[in-house]
Amino acid sequence: MKSTNEKLKTDQGITEKTPGKKRNGIENLRPPWKPGETGNPMGRPQGKSMVTILRELLDKNMLMPTDPITGEATDSGRLSIREILMMQLVSLGIKGDRHAIESILDRLEGRGSQGVEVSGGMVVGNLTLEERSAQIMSILGISGPPQK
């Protein structure tokens, strides 16, 4: 009586004695083309990569008569989408959005070194969460709760 595994192999046409087929040999690793031939004769598909398309979109200008942060009229009335997104991020940071603040600082100063918790208390980079929050608030000129 055949096991379930043997029945499956037989149903799929896989047998240990299939002539001309090596199941676990070096032949299995060799590509089907000859030396000197390429496995991709058409080459890399032509066209723009997603990164190129995104960069082009971010560089397009949009009509933006007022600065989203200050509300003042812009010089030319047109800003790139990249500038608008950065202004939105700064605007969120000014309002106290911690994710926006961290994103801005990471882009300006680079990510801090990996923090390690040594004796309790959460550590972010080389600063505790409270120290990092105080630093961010002072950079943005936002008054926070009094220090303990």
Foldseek 3Di string as FASTA:
>chain_A
DDDPVVVVCVVVVHDPPDPPDDDDDCVVVDDPDDPPDDPCVVPDDDDDDPVVVVVVQQQDKDQAQAQPQPRHGDDVRIDGNVVNVLSVLVNVVLVPDVVSLVVVCCVVPNAADCDDDDPDADAGRNHGPVVVSVVSCVVSVHDDDDDD
